N, C-alpha and C. Protein backbone atom coordinates (compact mmCIF):
# COMPACT_ATOMS: atom_id res chain seq x y z
N UNK A 1 19.45 -34.37 -229.11
CA UNK A 1 19.27 -34.30 -227.66
C UNK A 1 20.19 -33.20 -227.10
N UNK A 2 19.63 -32.37 -226.27
CA UNK A 2 20.45 -31.32 -225.65
C UNK A 2 20.97 -31.79 -224.30
N UNK A 3 21.85 -31.01 -223.74
CA UNK A 3 22.44 -31.37 -222.47
C UNK A 3 21.81 -30.69 -221.28
N UNK A 4 20.60 -30.17 -221.45
CA UNK A 4 19.96 -29.44 -220.37
C UNK A 4 19.09 -30.38 -219.53
N UNK A 5 19.10 -30.13 -218.25
CA UNK A 5 18.27 -30.92 -217.36
C UNK A 5 17.90 -30.13 -216.13
N UNK A 6 16.94 -30.64 -215.43
CA UNK A 6 16.46 -30.00 -214.21
C UNK A 6 16.27 -31.07 -213.16
N UNK A 7 16.85 -30.84 -211.99
CA UNK A 7 16.65 -31.73 -210.84
C UNK A 7 16.01 -30.88 -209.74
N UNK A 8 14.91 -31.37 -209.18
CA UNK A 8 14.20 -30.58 -208.19
C UNK A 8 13.45 -31.45 -207.20
N UNK A 9 13.13 -30.83 -206.07
CA UNK A 9 12.18 -31.40 -205.12
C UNK A 9 10.90 -30.59 -205.32
N UNK A 10 9.95 -31.14 -206.06
CA UNK A 10 8.80 -30.35 -206.48
C UNK A 10 7.69 -30.27 -205.43
N UNK A 11 7.03 -29.13 -205.40
CA UNK A 11 5.82 -29.02 -204.61
C UNK A 11 4.66 -29.43 -205.52
N UNK A 12 3.64 -29.98 -204.93
CA UNK A 12 2.50 -30.50 -205.67
C UNK A 12 1.52 -29.38 -205.96
N UNK A 13 1.85 -28.54 -206.93
CA UNK A 13 1.02 -27.40 -207.32
C UNK A 13 0.82 -27.44 -208.82
N UNK A 14 -0.37 -27.09 -209.30
CA UNK A 14 -0.65 -27.14 -210.74
C UNK A 14 0.35 -26.36 -211.59
N UNK A 15 0.79 -25.19 -211.11
CA UNK A 15 1.74 -24.39 -211.90
C UNK A 15 3.07 -25.12 -212.05
N UNK A 16 3.51 -25.80 -211.01
CA UNK A 16 4.78 -26.54 -211.06
C UNK A 16 4.65 -27.70 -212.04
N UNK A 17 3.55 -28.41 -211.97
CA UNK A 17 3.33 -29.54 -212.88
C UNK A 17 3.27 -29.06 -214.33
N UNK A 18 2.53 -27.99 -214.56
CA UNK A 18 2.39 -27.46 -215.92
C UNK A 18 3.75 -27.01 -216.47
N UNK A 19 4.50 -26.27 -215.70
CA UNK A 19 5.80 -25.76 -216.15
C UNK A 19 6.78 -26.91 -216.35
N UNK A 20 6.76 -27.90 -215.49
CA UNK A 20 7.66 -29.03 -215.62
C UNK A 20 7.32 -29.84 -216.87
N UNK A 21 6.04 -30.05 -217.13
CA UNK A 21 5.64 -30.74 -218.36
C UNK A 21 6.03 -29.94 -219.60
N UNK A 22 5.94 -28.63 -219.52
CA UNK A 22 6.31 -27.76 -220.63
C UNK A 22 7.82 -27.87 -220.91
N UNK A 23 8.63 -27.87 -219.85
CA UNK A 23 10.08 -28.02 -220.02
C UNK A 23 10.40 -29.38 -220.63
N UNK A 24 9.74 -30.40 -220.16
CA UNK A 24 9.96 -31.75 -220.69
C UNK A 24 9.60 -31.80 -222.18
N UNK A 25 8.49 -31.15 -222.57
CA UNK A 25 8.09 -31.09 -223.98
C UNK A 25 9.11 -30.34 -224.82
N UNK A 26 9.86 -29.43 -224.20
CA UNK A 26 10.89 -28.66 -224.90
C UNK A 26 12.25 -29.36 -224.87
N UNK A 27 12.28 -30.60 -224.43
CA UNK A 27 13.50 -31.39 -224.48
C UNK A 27 14.38 -31.31 -223.25
N UNK A 28 13.91 -30.69 -222.22
CA UNK A 28 14.69 -30.60 -220.98
C UNK A 28 14.38 -31.83 -220.13
N UNK A 29 15.41 -32.56 -219.76
CA UNK A 29 15.23 -33.75 -218.93
C UNK A 29 14.89 -33.33 -217.51
N UNK A 30 13.95 -34.03 -216.89
CA UNK A 30 13.49 -33.68 -215.54
C UNK A 30 13.70 -34.87 -214.61
N UNK A 31 14.26 -34.58 -213.44
CA UNK A 31 14.45 -35.59 -212.40
C UNK A 31 13.98 -34.99 -211.08
N UNK A 32 13.19 -35.75 -210.34
CA UNK A 32 12.75 -35.25 -209.04
C UNK A 32 13.39 -36.10 -207.93
N UNK A 33 13.63 -35.44 -206.81
CA UNK A 33 14.19 -36.08 -205.63
C UNK A 33 13.19 -35.99 -204.50
N UNK A 34 13.13 -37.02 -203.69
CA UNK A 34 12.38 -37.03 -202.44
C UNK A 34 10.87 -36.96 -202.60
N UNK A 35 10.37 -36.23 -203.55
CA UNK A 35 8.92 -36.11 -203.73
C UNK A 35 8.60 -36.31 -205.20
N UNK A 36 7.66 -37.18 -205.44
CA UNK A 36 7.29 -37.56 -206.79
C UNK A 36 5.98 -36.88 -207.16
N UNK A 37 5.90 -36.40 -208.39
CA UNK A 37 4.64 -35.84 -208.88
C UNK A 37 4.08 -36.78 -209.93
N UNK A 38 2.91 -37.29 -209.67
CA UNK A 38 2.33 -38.30 -210.55
C UNK A 38 1.87 -37.72 -211.89
N UNK A 39 1.62 -36.42 -211.97
CA UNK A 39 1.11 -35.82 -213.20
C UNK A 39 2.20 -35.22 -214.09
N UNK A 40 3.46 -35.48 -213.79
CA UNK A 40 4.53 -35.04 -214.66
C UNK A 40 4.85 -36.20 -215.60
N UNK A 41 4.88 -35.93 -216.87
CA UNK A 41 5.10 -36.97 -217.88
C UNK A 41 6.58 -37.14 -218.19
N UNK A 42 7.03 -38.39 -218.28
CA UNK A 42 8.35 -38.69 -218.77
C UNK A 42 9.50 -38.20 -217.91
N UNK A 43 9.37 -38.25 -216.63
CA UNK A 43 10.45 -37.82 -215.75
C UNK A 43 11.00 -39.00 -214.98
N UNK A 44 12.09 -38.76 -214.32
CA UNK A 44 12.68 -39.79 -213.47
C UNK A 44 12.60 -39.34 -212.01
N UNK A 45 12.39 -40.31 -211.14
CA UNK A 45 12.26 -40.04 -209.71
C UNK A 45 13.33 -40.81 -208.97
N UNK A 46 14.00 -40.14 -208.05
CA UNK A 46 14.99 -40.78 -207.18
C UNK A 46 14.55 -40.54 -205.74
N UNK A 47 14.29 -41.59 -205.02
CA UNK A 47 13.89 -41.43 -203.63
C UNK A 47 13.23 -42.67 -203.08
N UNK A 48 12.66 -42.52 -201.92
CA UNK A 48 12.01 -43.61 -201.22
C UNK A 48 10.63 -43.90 -201.79
N UNK A 49 10.12 -45.08 -201.48
CA UNK A 49 8.71 -45.38 -201.74
C UNK A 49 7.97 -44.90 -200.49
N UNK A 50 7.39 -43.71 -200.56
CA UNK A 50 6.81 -43.09 -199.39
C UNK A 50 5.58 -43.82 -198.86
N UNK A 51 4.89 -44.52 -199.72
CA UNK A 51 3.77 -45.33 -199.26
C UNK A 51 4.27 -46.44 -198.33
N UNK A 52 5.33 -47.12 -198.74
CA UNK A 52 5.90 -48.18 -197.90
C UNK A 52 6.48 -47.62 -196.61
N UNK A 53 7.14 -46.46 -196.71
CA UNK A 53 7.74 -45.82 -195.54
C UNK A 53 6.66 -45.51 -194.49
N UNK A 54 5.53 -44.98 -194.95
CA UNK A 54 4.42 -44.68 -194.03
C UNK A 54 3.85 -45.93 -193.40
N UNK A 55 3.75 -47.01 -194.19
CA UNK A 55 3.24 -48.27 -193.64
C UNK A 55 4.18 -48.83 -192.58
N UNK A 56 5.48 -48.72 -192.83
CA UNK A 56 6.46 -49.18 -191.84
C UNK A 56 6.31 -48.36 -190.56
N UNK A 57 6.16 -47.04 -190.70
CA UNK A 57 5.97 -46.18 -189.52
C UNK A 57 4.70 -46.57 -188.77
N UNK A 58 3.62 -46.84 -189.50
CA UNK A 58 2.38 -47.27 -188.85
C UNK A 58 2.54 -48.60 -188.13
N UNK A 59 3.29 -49.53 -188.74
CA UNK A 59 3.55 -50.81 -188.09
C UNK A 59 4.38 -50.63 -186.84
N UNK A 60 5.35 -49.72 -186.89
CA UNK A 60 6.17 -49.44 -185.72
C UNK A 60 5.32 -48.84 -184.60
N UNK A 61 4.38 -47.97 -184.96
CA UNK A 61 3.52 -47.39 -183.92
C UNK A 61 2.68 -48.47 -183.24
N UNK A 62 2.23 -49.48 -183.99
CA UNK A 62 1.46 -50.56 -183.37
C UNK A 62 2.33 -51.35 -182.39
N UNK A 63 3.62 -51.44 -182.68
CA UNK A 63 4.53 -52.13 -181.75
C UNK A 63 4.83 -51.27 -180.52
N UNK A 64 4.95 -49.96 -180.72
CA UNK A 64 5.21 -49.06 -179.60
C UNK A 64 3.99 -48.89 -178.69
N UNK A 65 2.81 -49.05 -179.28
CA UNK A 65 1.56 -48.91 -178.51
C UNK A 65 0.74 -50.19 -178.63
N UNK A 66 1.21 -51.30 -178.05
CA UNK A 66 0.50 -52.57 -178.21
C UNK A 66 -0.92 -52.56 -177.63
N UNK A 67 -1.18 -51.69 -176.68
CA UNK A 67 -2.52 -51.59 -176.10
C UNK A 67 -3.35 -50.50 -176.77
N UNK A 68 -2.81 -49.93 -177.83
CA UNK A 68 -3.53 -48.88 -178.54
C UNK A 68 -3.36 -47.53 -177.89
N UNK A 69 -4.16 -46.58 -178.32
CA UNK A 69 -4.11 -45.25 -177.74
C UNK A 69 -4.35 -44.18 -178.79
N UNK A 70 -4.39 -42.95 -178.32
CA UNK A 70 -4.62 -41.81 -179.20
C UNK A 70 -3.30 -41.36 -179.83
N UNK A 71 -3.35 -41.14 -181.14
CA UNK A 71 -2.19 -40.70 -181.89
C UNK A 71 -2.60 -39.49 -182.72
N UNK A 72 -1.71 -38.52 -182.80
CA UNK A 72 -1.92 -37.35 -183.65
C UNK A 72 -0.83 -37.32 -184.71
N UNK A 73 -1.16 -36.71 -185.84
CA UNK A 73 -0.23 -36.63 -186.97
C UNK A 73 0.05 -35.17 -187.28
N UNK A 74 1.32 -34.90 -187.53
CA UNK A 74 1.73 -33.58 -188.00
C UNK A 74 2.35 -33.80 -189.38
N UNK A 75 1.83 -33.09 -190.37
CA UNK A 75 2.23 -33.34 -191.75
C UNK A 75 2.32 -32.03 -192.52
N UNK A 76 2.52 -32.15 -193.81
CA UNK A 76 2.61 -31.00 -194.70
C UNK A 76 2.11 -31.44 -196.07
N UNK A 77 1.40 -30.59 -196.77
CA UNK A 77 0.83 -30.98 -198.05
C UNK A 77 1.63 -30.66 -199.30
N UNK A 78 2.40 -29.58 -199.35
CA UNK A 78 2.99 -29.19 -200.63
C UNK A 78 3.88 -30.24 -201.29
N UNK A 79 4.56 -31.07 -200.51
CA UNK A 79 5.36 -32.14 -201.08
C UNK A 79 4.55 -33.42 -201.03
N UNK A 80 4.46 -34.13 -202.15
CA UNK A 80 3.62 -35.33 -202.20
C UNK A 80 4.09 -36.41 -201.25
N UNK A 81 5.36 -36.41 -200.87
CA UNK A 81 5.85 -37.46 -199.98
C UNK A 81 5.14 -37.45 -198.63
N UNK A 82 4.78 -36.26 -198.14
CA UNK A 82 4.16 -36.19 -196.82
C UNK A 82 2.76 -36.79 -196.78
N UNK A 83 1.84 -36.40 -197.69
CA UNK A 83 0.53 -37.06 -197.69
C UNK A 83 0.63 -38.56 -197.97
N UNK A 84 1.57 -38.97 -198.84
CA UNK A 84 1.73 -40.41 -199.10
C UNK A 84 2.11 -41.14 -197.83
N UNK A 85 3.07 -40.60 -197.08
CA UNK A 85 3.48 -41.22 -195.82
C UNK A 85 2.32 -41.24 -194.82
N UNK A 86 1.66 -40.10 -194.68
CA UNK A 86 0.59 -39.97 -193.70
C UNK A 86 -0.57 -40.93 -194.01
N UNK A 87 -1.00 -40.97 -195.26
CA UNK A 87 -2.13 -41.82 -195.61
C UNK A 87 -1.82 -43.29 -195.43
N UNK A 88 -0.61 -43.71 -195.78
CA UNK A 88 -0.27 -45.12 -195.60
C UNK A 88 -0.01 -45.44 -194.13
N UNK A 89 0.49 -44.49 -193.36
CA UNK A 89 0.65 -44.68 -191.92
C UNK A 89 -0.69 -45.05 -191.29
N UNK A 90 -1.73 -44.36 -191.70
CA UNK A 90 -3.06 -44.56 -191.11
C UNK A 90 -3.64 -45.93 -191.42
N UNK A 91 -3.23 -46.55 -192.52
CA UNK A 91 -3.79 -47.85 -192.88
C UNK A 91 -3.26 -48.98 -192.01
N UNK A 92 -2.04 -48.87 -191.55
CA UNK A 92 -1.41 -49.99 -190.84
C UNK A 92 -2.04 -50.31 -189.49
N UNK A 93 -2.23 -49.34 -188.59
CA UNK A 93 -2.88 -49.68 -187.32
C UNK A 93 -4.31 -50.21 -187.52
N UNK A 94 -5.00 -49.70 -188.54
CA UNK A 94 -6.37 -50.16 -188.80
C UNK A 94 -6.38 -51.64 -189.17
N UNK A 95 -5.37 -52.10 -189.89
CA UNK A 95 -5.28 -53.51 -190.28
C UNK A 95 -5.09 -54.41 -189.07
N UNK A 96 -4.35 -53.93 -188.08
CA UNK A 96 -4.05 -54.74 -186.89
C UNK A 96 -5.13 -54.64 -185.82
N UNK A 97 -6.04 -53.71 -185.98
CA UNK A 97 -7.14 -53.53 -185.04
C UNK A 97 -6.66 -53.52 -183.59
N UNK A 98 -5.64 -52.72 -183.32
CA UNK A 98 -5.12 -52.68 -181.96
C UNK A 98 -5.55 -51.43 -181.21
N UNK A 99 -6.61 -50.81 -181.67
CA UNK A 99 -7.24 -49.68 -180.96
C UNK A 99 -6.39 -48.41 -180.94
N UNK A 100 -5.57 -48.24 -181.97
CA UNK A 100 -4.90 -46.95 -182.16
C UNK A 100 -5.87 -46.08 -182.93
N UNK A 101 -6.12 -44.91 -182.41
CA UNK A 101 -7.01 -43.99 -183.13
C UNK A 101 -6.26 -42.69 -183.42
N UNK A 102 -6.30 -42.31 -184.69
CA UNK A 102 -5.72 -41.03 -185.09
C UNK A 102 -6.78 -39.98 -184.77
N UNK A 103 -6.48 -39.14 -183.78
CA UNK A 103 -7.48 -38.19 -183.30
C UNK A 103 -7.41 -36.84 -183.97
N UNK A 104 -6.25 -36.52 -184.56
CA UNK A 104 -6.14 -35.21 -185.18
C UNK A 104 -4.95 -35.20 -186.14
N UNK A 105 -5.11 -34.42 -187.21
CA UNK A 105 -4.04 -34.22 -188.19
C UNK A 105 -3.90 -32.72 -188.39
N UNK A 106 -2.67 -32.22 -188.29
CA UNK A 106 -2.41 -30.80 -188.49
C UNK A 106 -1.25 -30.61 -189.45
N UNK A 107 -1.22 -29.46 -190.10
CA UNK A 107 -0.16 -29.14 -191.03
C UNK A 107 0.85 -28.20 -190.39
N UNK A 108 2.12 -28.49 -190.63
CA UNK A 108 3.19 -27.65 -190.08
C UNK A 108 4.06 -27.02 -191.16
N UNK A 109 3.84 -27.35 -192.41
CA UNK A 109 4.66 -26.84 -193.52
C UNK A 109 6.15 -27.04 -193.25
N UNK A 110 6.47 -28.12 -192.55
CA UNK A 110 7.85 -28.49 -192.22
C UNK A 110 8.55 -27.48 -191.30
N UNK A 111 7.78 -26.65 -190.62
CA UNK A 111 8.38 -25.63 -189.77
C UNK A 111 8.43 -26.02 -188.31
N UNK A 112 9.54 -25.70 -187.65
CA UNK A 112 9.68 -26.05 -186.24
C UNK A 112 8.78 -25.21 -185.34
N UNK A 113 8.55 -23.94 -185.69
CA UNK A 113 7.67 -23.09 -184.86
C UNK A 113 6.23 -23.60 -184.92
N UNK A 114 5.77 -23.94 -186.12
CA UNK A 114 4.42 -24.50 -186.24
C UNK A 114 4.31 -25.84 -185.53
N UNK A 115 5.35 -26.66 -185.66
CA UNK A 115 5.35 -27.97 -185.00
C UNK A 115 5.29 -27.80 -183.49
N UNK A 116 6.02 -26.85 -182.96
CA UNK A 116 6.00 -26.55 -181.53
C UNK A 116 4.58 -26.19 -181.09
N UNK A 117 3.95 -25.24 -181.78
CA UNK A 117 2.59 -24.80 -181.42
C UNK A 117 1.59 -25.95 -181.52
N UNK A 118 1.67 -26.71 -182.60
CA UNK A 118 0.74 -27.83 -182.80
C UNK A 118 0.91 -28.87 -181.69
N UNK A 119 2.16 -29.24 -181.41
CA UNK A 119 2.43 -30.26 -180.39
C UNK A 119 1.95 -29.79 -179.01
N UNK A 120 2.25 -28.57 -178.65
CA UNK A 120 1.81 -28.03 -177.36
C UNK A 120 0.29 -28.02 -177.28
N UNK A 121 -0.36 -27.65 -178.37
CA UNK A 121 -1.82 -27.67 -178.43
C UNK A 121 -2.36 -29.08 -178.25
N UNK A 122 -1.76 -30.04 -178.97
CA UNK A 122 -2.18 -31.45 -178.81
C UNK A 122 -2.04 -31.90 -177.36
N UNK A 123 -0.90 -31.60 -176.76
CA UNK A 123 -0.64 -32.04 -175.38
C UNK A 123 -1.62 -31.42 -174.40
N UNK A 124 -2.00 -30.17 -174.63
CA UNK A 124 -2.96 -29.50 -173.74
C UNK A 124 -4.39 -29.99 -173.93
N UNK A 125 -4.76 -30.29 -175.17
CA UNK A 125 -6.15 -30.67 -175.43
C UNK A 125 -6.39 -32.17 -175.38
N UNK A 126 -5.34 -32.97 -175.46
CA UNK A 126 -5.50 -34.43 -175.50
C UNK A 126 -4.61 -35.06 -174.41
N UNK A 127 -5.08 -35.07 -173.17
CA UNK A 127 -4.24 -35.60 -172.08
C UNK A 127 -3.93 -37.09 -172.22
N UNK A 128 -4.70 -37.81 -173.05
CA UNK A 128 -4.44 -39.23 -173.24
C UNK A 128 -3.61 -39.53 -174.49
N UNK A 129 -3.02 -38.51 -175.07
CA UNK A 129 -2.21 -38.69 -176.26
C UNK A 129 -1.06 -39.65 -175.96
N UNK A 130 -0.90 -40.66 -176.80
CA UNK A 130 0.15 -41.66 -176.59
C UNK A 130 1.16 -41.70 -177.72
N UNK A 131 0.84 -41.07 -178.86
CA UNK A 131 1.76 -41.12 -179.97
C UNK A 131 1.66 -39.92 -180.89
N UNK A 132 2.79 -39.57 -181.48
CA UNK A 132 2.87 -38.51 -182.48
C UNK A 132 3.58 -39.06 -183.70
N UNK A 133 3.04 -38.78 -184.87
CA UNK A 133 3.70 -39.16 -186.11
C UNK A 133 3.95 -37.90 -186.93
N UNK A 134 5.20 -37.65 -187.26
CA UNK A 134 5.58 -36.52 -188.11
C UNK A 134 5.99 -37.06 -189.47
N UNK A 135 5.23 -36.69 -190.49
CA UNK A 135 5.56 -37.20 -191.83
C UNK A 135 6.64 -36.37 -192.50
N UNK A 136 7.02 -35.25 -191.89
CA UNK A 136 8.05 -34.39 -192.48
C UNK A 136 8.99 -33.86 -191.41
N UNK A 137 9.36 -32.61 -191.54
CA UNK A 137 10.33 -31.99 -190.64
C UNK A 137 9.65 -31.19 -189.52
N UNK A 138 10.50 -30.60 -188.68
CA UNK A 138 10.01 -29.80 -187.56
C UNK A 138 10.15 -30.50 -186.23
N UNK A 139 10.95 -31.56 -186.21
CA UNK A 139 11.09 -32.40 -185.02
C UNK A 139 11.50 -31.64 -183.77
N UNK A 140 12.32 -30.61 -183.94
CA UNK A 140 12.80 -29.86 -182.78
C UNK A 140 11.64 -29.17 -182.07
N UNK A 141 10.59 -28.84 -182.82
CA UNK A 141 9.40 -28.25 -182.21
C UNK A 141 8.72 -29.21 -181.24
N UNK A 142 8.74 -30.50 -181.57
CA UNK A 142 8.19 -31.53 -180.66
C UNK A 142 9.02 -31.56 -179.38
N UNK A 143 10.33 -31.56 -179.53
CA UNK A 143 11.21 -31.60 -178.36
C UNK A 143 10.93 -30.43 -177.44
N UNK A 144 10.82 -29.24 -178.00
CA UNK A 144 10.58 -28.04 -177.18
C UNK A 144 9.22 -28.12 -176.49
N UNK A 145 8.20 -28.57 -177.19
CA UNK A 145 6.86 -28.66 -176.59
C UNK A 145 6.84 -29.69 -175.46
N UNK A 146 7.50 -30.82 -175.66
CA UNK A 146 7.54 -31.84 -174.61
C UNK A 146 8.30 -31.34 -173.38
N UNK A 147 9.35 -30.57 -173.60
CA UNK A 147 10.13 -30.03 -172.48
C UNK A 147 9.28 -29.08 -171.65
N UNK A 148 8.41 -28.33 -172.28
CA UNK A 148 7.53 -27.40 -171.56
C UNK A 148 6.37 -28.13 -170.90
N UNK A 149 5.71 -29.00 -171.66
CA UNK A 149 4.49 -29.66 -171.15
C UNK A 149 4.80 -30.73 -170.11
N UNK A 150 5.92 -31.39 -170.22
CA UNK A 150 6.32 -32.46 -169.32
C UNK A 150 5.17 -33.43 -169.02
N UNK A 151 4.71 -34.15 -170.04
CA UNK A 151 3.61 -35.09 -169.81
C UNK A 151 3.99 -36.14 -168.77
N UNK A 152 2.99 -36.66 -168.07
CA UNK A 152 3.25 -37.62 -167.00
C UNK A 152 3.27 -39.07 -167.51
N UNK A 153 3.25 -39.24 -168.82
CA UNK A 153 3.33 -40.57 -169.41
C UNK A 153 4.17 -40.50 -170.68
N UNK A 154 4.59 -41.66 -171.11
CA UNK A 154 5.42 -41.74 -172.32
C UNK A 154 4.59 -41.45 -173.56
N UNK A 155 5.16 -40.69 -174.47
CA UNK A 155 4.54 -40.43 -175.77
C UNK A 155 5.51 -40.94 -176.83
N UNK A 156 5.06 -41.90 -177.62
CA UNK A 156 5.90 -42.46 -178.67
C UNK A 156 5.88 -41.53 -179.87
N UNK A 157 7.06 -41.25 -180.41
CA UNK A 157 7.19 -40.32 -181.53
C UNK A 157 7.89 -41.04 -182.68
N UNK A 158 7.28 -40.94 -183.84
CA UNK A 158 7.89 -41.50 -185.04
C UNK A 158 8.05 -40.36 -186.04
N UNK A 159 9.26 -40.26 -186.58
CA UNK A 159 9.54 -39.24 -187.59
C UNK A 159 10.50 -39.85 -188.61
N UNK A 160 10.84 -39.06 -189.60
CA UNK A 160 11.71 -39.53 -190.69
C UNK A 160 12.97 -38.71 -190.74
N UNK A 161 13.97 -39.26 -191.39
CA UNK A 161 15.21 -38.57 -191.71
C UNK A 161 16.06 -38.33 -190.46
N UNK A 162 17.26 -38.82 -190.50
CA UNK A 162 18.20 -38.58 -189.41
C UNK A 162 18.86 -37.22 -189.65
N UNK A 163 18.55 -36.29 -188.80
CA UNK A 163 19.09 -34.94 -188.88
C UNK A 163 19.54 -34.53 -187.48
N UNK A 164 20.12 -33.34 -187.38
CA UNK A 164 20.51 -32.85 -186.05
C UNK A 164 19.29 -32.75 -185.14
N UNK A 165 18.16 -32.30 -185.70
CA UNK A 165 16.93 -32.18 -184.91
C UNK A 165 16.48 -33.54 -184.41
N UNK A 166 16.53 -34.54 -185.28
CA UNK A 166 16.10 -35.88 -184.88
C UNK A 166 17.04 -36.45 -183.82
N UNK A 167 18.32 -36.20 -183.98
CA UNK A 167 19.28 -36.67 -182.98
C UNK A 167 18.99 -36.05 -181.61
N UNK A 168 18.64 -34.76 -181.58
CA UNK A 168 18.29 -34.10 -180.32
C UNK A 168 17.07 -34.76 -179.69
N UNK A 169 16.08 -35.08 -180.51
CA UNK A 169 14.87 -35.74 -180.01
C UNK A 169 15.20 -37.12 -179.46
N UNK A 170 16.08 -37.85 -180.14
CA UNK A 170 16.49 -39.18 -179.67
C UNK A 170 17.25 -39.08 -178.34
N UNK A 171 18.12 -38.08 -178.22
CA UNK A 171 18.87 -37.90 -176.96
C UNK A 171 17.92 -37.57 -175.81
N UNK A 172 16.92 -36.74 -176.11
CA UNK A 172 15.94 -36.39 -175.08
C UNK A 172 15.16 -37.63 -174.64
N UNK A 173 14.78 -38.45 -175.61
CA UNK A 173 14.02 -39.68 -175.29
C UNK A 173 14.87 -40.62 -174.44
N UNK A 174 16.14 -40.77 -174.78
CA UNK A 174 16.97 -41.70 -174.02
C UNK A 174 17.22 -41.20 -172.60
N UNK A 175 17.17 -39.89 -172.39
CA UNK A 175 17.38 -39.37 -171.04
C UNK A 175 16.11 -39.51 -170.19
N UNK A 176 14.96 -39.65 -170.85
CA UNK A 176 13.69 -39.81 -170.13
C UNK A 176 13.48 -41.24 -169.73
N UNK A 177 13.89 -42.17 -170.61
CA UNK A 177 13.60 -43.60 -170.38
C UNK A 177 14.40 -44.18 -169.25
């Protein structure tokens, strides 16, 4: 056994999977963080159960919007954690039949500029929007879009990871309430 190893947050791309499997076949130990790739053989994963995390977020949205409403999702595909969260988020409101409808899903590639544009677009095109779910990063883009659009009703926002951006969003929410 050699002492070589690789720890990474992998993107879900065939070349990454192929190369990672090749390294593993050559005796290099592989460990992934935050995002799990199901097609990598014999590796170890350290992180959250993203399916459960998404379900918890969906359950929280049903509590924040007890009368239902329109919800949009901002996500990213390259990391498997984001689609896992997004897909399981969508199952929870459907189980409770509380009239939450996911009206649109957009990709932001975890970027704040894309998140800003997407959120502003949602707010302009969906005046009845009541909730936003971000399965990844870019939270500061939501804050900036809300500051410009100044909707006349509360919009519930659910995101992950406590970061400086998330703290800013929380401070903005507490000043509005």
